[in-house]
C-alpha atoms as a PDB file:
ATOM      1  CA  MET A   1     129.507  94.715  96.926  1.00  0.00           C
ATOM      2  CA  PRO A   2     126.520  92.345  96.610  1.00  0.00           C
ATOM      3  CA  LYS A   3     124.317  93.227  93.648  1.00  0.00           C
ATOM      4  CA  ILE A   4     120.834  94.748  93.985  1.00  0.00           C
ATOM      5  CA  SER A   5     117.762  94.256  91.782  1.00  0.00           C
ATOM      6  CA  ALA A   6     115.423  97.248  91.968  1.00  0.00           C
ATOM      7  CA  LEU A   7     111.794  96.435  91.109  1.00  0.00           C
ATOM      8  CA  ILE A   8     108.861  98.724  90.294  1.00  0.00           C
ATOM      9  CA  ILE A   9     105.285  97.822  89.301  1.00  0.00           C
ATOM     10  CA  THR A  10     103.409 100.490  87.383  1.00  0.00           C
ATOM     11  CA  LEU A  11     100.091 101.587  85.921  1.00  0.00           C
ATOM     12  CA  ASN A  12      99.858 105.020  84.313  1.00  0.00           C
ATOM     13  CA  GLU A  13     102.876 106.411  86.165  1.00  0.00           C
ATOM     14  CA  ALA A  14     104.317 108.578  83.385  1.00  0.00           C
ATOM     15  CA  LYS A  15     104.695 111.508  85.787  1.00  0.00           C
ATOM     16  CA  ASN A  16     106.701 109.437  88.276  1.00  0.00           C
ATOM     17  CA  ILE A  17     108.570 106.736  86.386  1.00  0.00           C
ATOM     18  CA  GLY A  18     111.523 108.810  85.184  1.00  0.00           C
ATOM     19  CA  SER A  19     112.192 110.224  88.642  1.00  0.00           C
ATOM     20  CA  VAL A  20     112.039 106.882  90.425  1.00  0.00           C
ATOM     21  CA  ILE A  21     114.339 105.258  87.837  1.00  0.00           C
ATOM     22  CA  LYS A  22     116.914 108.023  88.361  1.00  0.00           C
ATOM     23  CA  ASN A  23     116.467 107.625  92.126  1.00  0.00           C
ATOM     24  CA  LEU A  24     117.343 103.916  91.801  1.00  0.00           C
ATOM     25  CA  SER A  25     120.341 104.427  89.509  1.00  0.00           C
ATOM     26  CA  PHE A  26     122.687 102.872  92.085  1.00  0.00           C
ATOM     27  CA  ALA A  27     121.002  99.453  91.665  1.00  0.00           C
ATOM     28  CA  ASN A  28     122.670  96.857  89.432  1.00  0.00           C
ATOM     29  CA  GLU A  29     119.465  96.259  87.490  1.00  0.00           C
ATOM     30  CA  ILE A  30     116.089  97.987  87.375  1.00  0.00           C
ATOM     31  CA  ILE A  31     113.011  96.004  86.378  1.00  0.00           C
ATOM     32  CA  VAL A  32     109.675  97.657  85.613  1.00  0.00           C
ATOM     33  CA  VAL A  33     106.550  95.516  85.379  1.00  0.00           C
ATOM     34  CA  ASP A  34     103.867  97.578  83.682  1.00  0.00           C
ATOM     35  CA  SER A  35     100.153  96.732  83.726  1.00  0.00           C
ATOM     36  CA  TYR A  36      99.588  97.893  80.143  1.00  0.00           C
ATOM     37  CA  SER A  37      99.529 101.595  80.995  1.00  0.00           C
ATOM     38  CA  GLU A  38      97.487 103.874  78.767  1.00  0.00           C
ATOM     39  CA  ASP A  39     100.028 106.672  79.095  1.00  0.00           C
ATOM     40  CA  ASP A  40     103.763 106.737  78.257  1.00  0.00           C
ATOM     41  CA  THR A  41     104.956 104.886  81.376  1.00  0.00           C
ATOM     42  CA  ALA A  42     106.457 101.915  79.511  1.00  0.00           C
ATOM     43  CA  LYS A  43     107.875 104.084  76.721  1.00  0.00           C
ATOM     44  CA  ILE A  44     109.647 106.349  79.203  1.00  0.00           C
ATOM     45  CA  ALA A  45     110.997 103.400  81.192  1.00  0.00           C
ATOM     46  CA  GLU A  46     112.307 101.745  78.026  1.00  0.00           C
ATOM     47  CA  SER A  47     114.248 104.899  77.154  1.00  0.00           C
ATOM     48  CA  TYR A  48     116.644 104.208  80.043  1.00  0.00           C
ATOM     49  CA  PRO A  49     119.419 101.761  79.058  1.00  0.00           C
ATOM     50  CA  ASN A  50     119.668 100.253  82.556  1.00  0.00           C
ATOM     51  CA  VAL A  51     115.952  99.318  82.698  1.00  0.00           C
ATOM     52  CA  THR A  52     114.179  96.143  81.578  1.00  0.00           C
ATOM     53  CA  VAL A  53     110.428  96.491  81.042  1.00  0.00           C
ATOM     54  CA  TYR A  54     107.927  93.631  81.208  1.00  0.00           C
ATOM     55  CA  ARG A  55     104.228  93.999  80.472  1.00  0.00           C
ATOM     56  CA  ASN A  56     101.930  91.838  82.556  1.00  0.00           C
ATOM     57  CA  THR A  57      98.161  91.958  83.039  1.00  0.00           C
ATOM     58  CA  PHE A  58      97.288  93.205  86.518  1.00  0.00           C
ATOM     59  CA  LEU A  59      95.164  90.798  88.573  1.00  0.00           C
ATOM     60  CA  ASP A  60      96.136  91.957  92.050  1.00  0.00           C
ATOM     61  CA  PHE A  61      99.155  93.450  93.810  1.00  0.00           C
ATOM     62  CA  THR A  62     100.376  90.161  95.230  1.00  0.00           C
ATOM     63  CA  LYS A  63     100.527  88.408  91.852  1.00  0.00           C
ATOM     64  CA  GLN A  64     102.100  91.426  90.184  1.00  0.00           C
ATOM     65  CA  ARG A  65     104.806  91.770  92.820  1.00  0.00           C
ATOM     66  CA  ASN A  66     105.606  88.054  92.726  1.00  0.00           C
ATOM     67  CA  PHE A  67     105.842  88.255  88.921  1.00  0.00           C
ATOM     68  CA  ALA A  68     108.334  91.110  89.224  1.00  0.00           C
ATOM     69  CA  LEU A  69     110.240  89.140  91.848  1.00  0.00           C
ATOM     70  CA  SER A  70     110.528  86.183  89.461  1.00  0.00           C
ATOM     71  CA  LYS A  71     112.344  88.411  86.936  1.00  0.00           C
ATOM     72  CA  ALA A  72     115.030  89.624  89.345  1.00  0.00           C
ATOM     73  CA  SER A  73     118.579  88.376  88.761  1.00  0.00           C
ATOM     74  CA  HIS A  74     120.105  89.200  92.136  1.00  0.00           C
ATOM     75  CA  GLU A  75     119.611  88.092  95.733  1.00  0.00           C
ATOM     76  CA  TRP A  76     119.049  91.524  97.239  1.00  0.00           C
ATOM     77  CA  ILE A  77     115.722  93.066  96.183  1.00  0.00           C
ATOM     78  CA  LEU A  78     114.824  96.736  96.548  1.00  0.00           C
ATOM     79  CA  PHE A  79     111.107  97.084  95.758  1.00  0.00           C
ATOM     80  CA  LEU A  80     109.748 100.613  95.384  1.00  0.00           C
ATOM     81  CA  ASP A  81     106.426 102.075  94.324  1.00  0.00           C
ATOM     82  CA  ALA A  82     106.644 104.702  91.593  1.00  0.00           C
ATOM     83  CA  ASP A  83     105.694 107.449  94.068  1.00  0.00           C
ATOM     84  CA  GLU A  84     108.429 106.567  96.593  1.00  0.00           C
ATOM     85  CA  ARG A  85     111.894 108.129  96.772  1.00  0.00           C
ATOM     86  CA  ILE A  86     115.117 107.208  98.543  1.00  0.00           C
ATOM     87  CA  THR A  87     117.022 110.011 100.284  1.00  0.00           C
ATOM     88  CA  LYS A  88     120.834 110.202 100.186  1.00  0.00           C
ATOM     89  CA  PRO A  89     121.182 109.042 103.824  1.00  0.00           C
ATOM     90  CA  LEU A  90     118.848 106.105 103.129  1.00  0.00           C
ATOM     91  CA  LYS A  91     120.797 105.166  99.995  1.00  0.00           C
ATOM     92  CA  LYS A  92     124.012 105.098 102.046  1.00  0.00           C
ATOM     93  CA  GLU A  93     122.302 102.957 104.681  1.00  0.00           C
ATOM     94  CA  ILE A  94     121.024 100.507 102.033  1.00  0.00           C
ATOM     95  CA  LEU A  95     124.474 100.051 100.505  1.00  0.00           C
ATOM     96  CA  GLU A  96     126.071  99.583 103.910  1.00  0.00           C
ATOM     97  CA  THR A  97     123.398  97.054 104.855  1.00  0.00           C
ATOM     98  CA  VAL A  98     123.781  94.794 101.825  1.00  0.00           C
ATOM     99  CA  SER A  99     127.562  94.910 102.237  1.00  0.00           C
ATOM    100  CA  SER A 100     127.433  93.836 105.872  1.00  0.00           C
ATOM    101  CA  ASN A 101     128.140  90.288 106.972  1.00  0.00           C
ATOM    102  CA  HIS A 102     125.601  90.713 109.757  1.00  0.00           C
ATOM    103  CA  SER A 103     122.578  91.904 107.783  1.00  0.00           C
ATOM    104  CA  ALA A 104     119.027  90.675 108.405  1.00  0.00           C
ATOM    105  CA  ASP A 105     117.044  88.927 105.655  1.00  0.00           C
ATOM    106  CA  ALA A 106     114.531  91.768 105.235  1.00  0.00           C
ATOM    107  CA  TYR A 107     114.173  95.410 106.263  1.00  0.00           C
ATOM    108  CA  TYR A 108     111.166  97.566 107.086  1.00  0.00           C
ATOM    109  CA  PHE A 109     111.279 101.150 105.844  1.00  0.00           C
ATOM    110  CA  TYR A 110     109.300 103.804 107.700  1.00  0.00           C
ATOM    111  CA  ARG A 111     107.695 106.175 105.213  1.00  0.00           C
ATOM    112  CA  LYS A 112     107.172 109.933 105.349  1.00  0.00           C
ATOM    113  CA  PHE A 113     103.783 110.648 103.756  1.00  0.00           C
ATOM    114  CA  MET A 114     103.796 113.721 101.515  1.00  0.00           C
ATOM    115  CA  PHE A 115     100.606 115.730 100.938  1.00  0.00           C
ATOM    116  CA  LYS A 116     101.080 117.854  97.791  1.00  0.00           C
ATOM    117  CA  GLY A 117     104.817 117.915  98.404  1.00  0.00           C
ATOM    118  CA  LYS A 118     104.655 118.699 102.143  1.00  0.00           C
ATOM    119  CA  PRO A 119     104.911 116.164 104.995  1.00  0.00           C
ATOM    120  CA  LEU A 120     101.783 114.905 106.717  1.00  0.00           C
ATOM    121  CA  HIS A 121     102.767 114.248 110.324  1.00  0.00           C
ATOM    122  CA  PHE A 122      99.802 112.327 111.749  1.00  0.00           C
ATOM    123  CA  SER A 123      96.417 110.976 110.489  1.00  0.00           C
ATOM    124  CA  GLY A 124      97.564 107.373 110.988  1.00  0.00           C
ATOM    125  CA  TRP A 125     100.627 107.700 108.747  1.00  0.00           C
ATOM    126  CA  GLN A 126     103.188 108.430 111.462  1.00  0.00           C
ATOM    127  CA  THR A 127     103.996 104.726 111.957  1.00  0.00           C
ATOM    128  CA  ASP A 128     103.509 103.643 108.339  1.00  0.00           C
ATOM    129  CA  LYS A 129     106.100 101.063 107.295  1.00  0.00           C
ATOM    130  CA  ASN A 130     106.703  98.402 104.643  1.00  0.00           C
ATOM    131  CA  ILE A 131     109.415  95.908 103.815  1.00  0.00           C
ATOM    132  CA  ARG A 132     111.255  97.334 100.831  1.00  0.00           C
ATOM    133  CA  LEU A 133     114.694  95.662 101.019  1.00  0.00           C
ATOM    134  CA  PHE A 134     114.957  91.889 101.306  1.00  0.00           C
ATOM    135  CA  LYS A 135     116.681  88.715 100.164  1.00  0.00           C
ATOM    136  CA  LYS A 136     114.891  87.013  97.284  1.00  0.00           C
ATOM    137  CA  SER A 137     115.586  83.477  98.504  1.00  0.00           C
ATOM    138  CA  LYS A 138     113.921  84.209 101.842  1.00  0.00           C
ATOM    139  CA  SER A 139     110.800  86.062 100.752  1.00  0.00           C
ATOM    140  CA  LYS A 140     107.517  85.841  98.866  1.00  0.00           C
ATOM    141  CA  TYR A 141     104.298  87.846  98.826  1.00  0.00           C
ATOM    142  CA  THR A 142     101.447  85.905 100.415  1.00  0.00           C
ATOM    143  CA  ALA A 143      98.525  84.818  98.230  1.00  0.00           C
ATOM    144  CA  GLU A 144      95.917  85.632 100.911  1.00  0.00           C
ATOM    145  CA  ARG A 145      96.233  89.400 100.458  1.00  0.00           C
ATOM    146  CA  LEU A 146      95.285  91.094  97.181  1.00  0.00           C
ATOM    147  CA  VAL A 147      95.913  94.670  98.360  1.00  0.00           C
ATOM    148  CA  HIS A 148      98.207  96.014 101.103  1.00  0.00           C
ATOM    149  CA  GLU A 149     100.088  92.851 100.319  1.00  0.00           C
ATOM    150  CA  VAL A 150     102.267  91.122 102.902  1.00  0.00           C
ATOM    151  CA  LEU A 151     105.773  89.837 102.274  1.00  0.00           C
ATOM    152  CA  LYS A 152     106.357  86.539 104.061  1.00  0.00           C
ATOM    153  CA  VAL A 153     109.970  86.350 105.207  1.00  0.00           C
ATOM    154  CA  GLU A 154     111.475  83.063 106.309  1.00  0.00           C
ATOM    155  CA  GLY A 155     114.298  84.625 108.257  1.00  0.00           C
ATOM    156  CA  SER A 156     115.200  87.670 110.322  1.00  0.00           C
ATOM    157  CA  THR A 157     113.782  91.177 109.888  1.00  0.00           C
ATOM    158  CA  SER A 158     115.042  94.582 110.985  1.00  0.00           C
ATOM    159  CA  TYR A 159     114.405  98.302 110.430  1.00  0.00           C
ATOM    160  CA  MET A 160     116.164 101.011 108.457  1.00  0.00           C
ATOM    161  CA  LYS A 161     116.962 104.159 110.430  1.00  0.00           C
ATOM    162  CA  HIS A 162     116.197 106.631 107.643  1.00  0.00           C
ATOM    163  CA  LYS A 163     112.747 107.163 106.170  1.00  0.00           C
ATOM    164  CA  LEU A 164     111.508 106.585 102.647  1.00  0.00           C
ATOM    165  CA  ILE A 165     109.685 109.542 101.094  1.00  0.00           C
ATOM    166  CA  HIS A 166     106.155 108.654  99.936  1.00  0.00           C
ATOM    167  CA  TYR A 167     104.593 111.124  97.463  1.00  0.00           C
ATOM    168  CA  SER A 168     101.197 109.445  97.687  1.00  0.00           C
ATOM    169  CA  TYR A 169      98.882 112.469  97.575  1.00  0.00           C
ATOM    170  CA  SER A 170      99.245 114.734  94.533  1.00  0.00           C
ATOM    171  CA  SER A 171      95.561 115.721  94.254  1.00  0.00           C
ATOM    172  CA  TYR A 172      92.168 114.914  95.758  1.00  0.00           C
ATOM    173  CA  ALA A 173      90.945 113.194  92.584  1.00  0.00           C
ATOM    174  CA  THR A 174      93.976 110.923  92.141  1.00  0.00           C
ATOM    175  CA  TYR A 175      94.084 109.870  95.798  1.00  0.00           C
ATOM    176  CA  LYS A 176      90.337 109.196  95.807  1.00  0.00           C
ATOM    177  CA  LYS A 177      90.701 107.055  92.673  1.00  0.00           C
ATOM    178  CA  LYS A 178      93.515 105.127  94.338  1.00  0.00           C
ATOM    179  CA  MET A 179      91.444 104.534  97.493  1.00  0.00           C
ATOM    180  CA  ILE A 180      88.495 103.250  95.455  1.00  0.00           C
ATOM    181  CA  SER A 181      90.756 100.882  93.496  1.00  0.00           C
ATOM    182  CA  TYR A 182      92.056  99.530  96.808  1.00  0.00           C
ATOM    183  CA  ALA A 183      88.459  99.103  97.964  1.00  0.00           C
ATOM    184  CA  ALA A 184      87.648  96.982  94.895  1.00  0.00           C
ATOM    185  CA  LEU A 185      90.588  94.647  95.559  1.00  0.00           C
ATOM    186  CA  LYS A 186      89.720  94.419  99.253  1.00  0.00           C
ATOM    187  CA  ALA A 187      86.128  93.537  98.321  1.00  0.00           C
ATOM    188  CA  LYS A 188      87.414  90.716  96.128  1.00  0.00           C
ATOM    189  CA  GLU A 189      89.601  89.497  98.986  1.00  0.00           C
ATOM    190  CA  LEU A 190      86.647  89.546 101.426  1.00  0.00           C
ATOM    191  CA  ASN A 191      84.442  87.763  98.911  1.00  0.00           C
ATOM    192  CA  GLN A 192      86.987  84.954  98.662  1.00  0.00           C
ATOM    193  CA  LYS A 193      86.746  84.620 102.453  1.00  0.00           C
ATOM    194  CA  GLY A 194      82.935  84.366 102.288  1.00  0.00           C
ATOM    195  CA  VAL A 195      82.206  87.666 104.076  1.00  0.00           C
ATOM    196  CA  LYS A 196      78.654  89.006 103.623  1.00  0.00           C
ATOM    197  CA  PRO A 197      78.170  92.780 104.078  1.00  0.00           C
ATOM    198  CA  ASN A 198      75.693  94.113 106.620  1.00  0.00           C
ATOM    199  CA  THR A 199      74.834  97.378 108.412  1.00  0.00           C
ATOM    200  CA  PHE A 200      77.891  97.059 110.650  1.00  0.00           C
ATOM    201  CA  HIS A 201      80.160  97.093 107.586  1.00  0.00           C
ATOM    202  CA  TYR A 202      78.396 100.023 105.919  1.00  0.00           C
ATOM    203  CA  VAL A 203      78.122 102.277 108.980  1.00  0.00           C
ATOM    204  CA  VAL A 204      80.330 101.271 111.899  1.00  0.00           C
ATOM    205  CA  LYS A 205      83.541 100.291 110.115  1.00  0.00           C
ATOM    206  CA  PRO A 206      83.983 103.467 107.980  1.00  0.00           C
ATOM    207  CA  ALA A 207      82.907 105.701 110.893  1.00  0.00           C
ATOM    208  CA  PHE A 208      85.370 103.962 113.194  1.00  0.00           C
ATOM    209  CA  LYS A 209      88.147 104.306 110.596  1.00  0.00           C
ATOM    210  CA  PHE A 210      87.586 108.057 110.312  1.00  0.00           C
ATOM    211  CA  LEU A 211      87.336 108.683 114.061  1.00  0.00           C
ATOM    212  CA  TYR A 212      90.286 106.457 114.874  1.00  0.00           C
ATOM    213  CA  ASP A 213      92.597 108.158 112.364  1.00  0.00           C
ATOM    214  CA  TYR A 214      91.294 111.667 113.067  1.00  0.00           C
ATOM    215  CA  ILE A 215      91.186 111.525 116.880  1.00  0.00           C
ATOM    216  CA  VAL A 216      93.246 108.591 118.184  1.00  0.00           C
ATOM    217  CA  ARG A 217      95.882 108.845 115.442  1.00  0.00           C
ATOM    218  CA  LEU A 218      95.882 112.652 115.748  1.00  0.00           C
ATOM    219  CA  GLY A 219      94.663 113.577 112.271  1.00  0.00           C
ATOM    220  CA  VAL A 220      93.130 116.649 113.921  1.00  0.00           C
ATOM    221  CA  LEU A 221      96.668 118.029 114.291  1.00  0.00           C
ATOM    222  CA  ASP A 222      97.130 117.918 110.513  1.00  0.00           C
ATOM    223  CA  GLY A 223      94.366 120.502 110.061  1.00  0.00           C
ATOM    224  CA  ARG A 224      92.428 120.500 106.804  1.00  0.00           C
ATOM    225  CA  LYS A 225      94.876 117.983 105.313  1.00  0.00           C
ATOM    226  CA  GLY A 226      94.049 115.598 108.145  1.00  0.00           C
ATOM    227  CA  ILE A 227      90.313 115.855 107.510  1.00  0.00           C
ATOM    228  CA  ILE A 228      90.822 115.109 103.793  1.00  0.00           C
ATOM    229  CA  ILE A 229      93.091 112.098 104.334  1.00  0.00           C
ATOM    230  CA  CYS A 230      90.989 110.621 107.149  1.00  0.00           C
ATOM    231  CA  TYR A 231      87.819 111.044 105.076  1.00  0.00           C
ATOM    232  CA  LEU A 232      89.286 109.416 101.961  1.00  0.00           C
ATOM    233  CA  ASN A 233      90.732 106.513 103.946  1.00  0.00           C
ATOM    234  CA  ALA A 234      87.325 105.983 105.572  1.00  0.00           C
ATOM    235  CA  LEU A 235      85.676 106.252 102.141  1.00  0.00           C
ATOM    236  CA  SER A 236      87.887 103.400 100.950  1.00  0.00           C
ATOM    237  CA  VAL A 237      86.574 101.266 103.811  1.00  0.00           C
ATOM    238  CA  TYR A 238      82.965 102.135 102.955  1.00  0.00           C
ATOM    239  CA  LYS A 239      83.313 101.607  99.185  1.00  0.00           C
ATOM    240  CA  ARG A 240      84.483  98.004  99.534  1.00  0.00           C
ATOM    241  CA  TYR A 241      81.070  96.841 100.806  1.00  0.00           C
ATOM    242  CA  PRO A 242      78.753  97.845  97.899  1.00  0.00           C
ATOM    243  CA  ILE A 243      81.316  96.154  95.632  1.00  0.00           C
ATOM    244  CA  LEU A 244      81.379  93.119  97.920  1.00  0.00           C
ATOM    245  CA  LYS A 245      77.562  92.984  97.812  1.00  0.00           C
ATOM    246  CA  GLU A 246      77.615  92.784  94.008  1.00  0.00           C
ATOM    247  CA  LEU A 247      80.324  90.120  94.075  1.00  0.00           C
ATOM    248  CA  SER A 248      78.329  88.100  96.608  1.00  0.00           C
ATOM    249  CA  LYS A 249      75.347  88.024  94.228  1.00  0.00           C
ATOM    250  CA  LYS A 250      77.531  86.378  91.609  1.00  0.00           C
END
């Protein structure tokens, strides 16, 4: 059986870190890269004998993920967020995949978005996917993206059949904070590209994001949950532009 390095990057994930470490117990090594959490994230992670913890200042997601990747000992990488969980069928599929002589170089995982512990079926999340399993020698996160980072794979890609569970929304306040932090990184990314905010960015783009997710992507079918998610995702689009305006002045 080829060996697997499981990687996690964290910031104030004390409520999640123990569960995700247990969820990844089948990996040959587990590496946690912590961004100097103010809670007990690192302390909890260090209490597990099969976990190695590194502390690294967070600059953006791409740099942090590439740092974690540099610490991995094995060719197969399984990269999870602290709020993601692997089901038993998905675990079986992962182990069968890395053991196969005909495996691809990287695999997309579709994710089931959980809203306070219950699945959200629409609102733009129904086709959400990320590469979570890949070969280290074939892959690197691209420097152009600071948030919603992209893994560049020099090889073949495929898809896992079973979904990853994504416990992204635990409360309104925490999800809103997450969306605003994403907006700040996106603003920095846009500033590096020389984008200057205008009325189109402040009005049209967030309105389009809400209407697209709520109507075209069927958020209306998710009821009140759909309104909340579509609003907060649109808020993240709006918030990036006041931040971008301040960065542009500098």
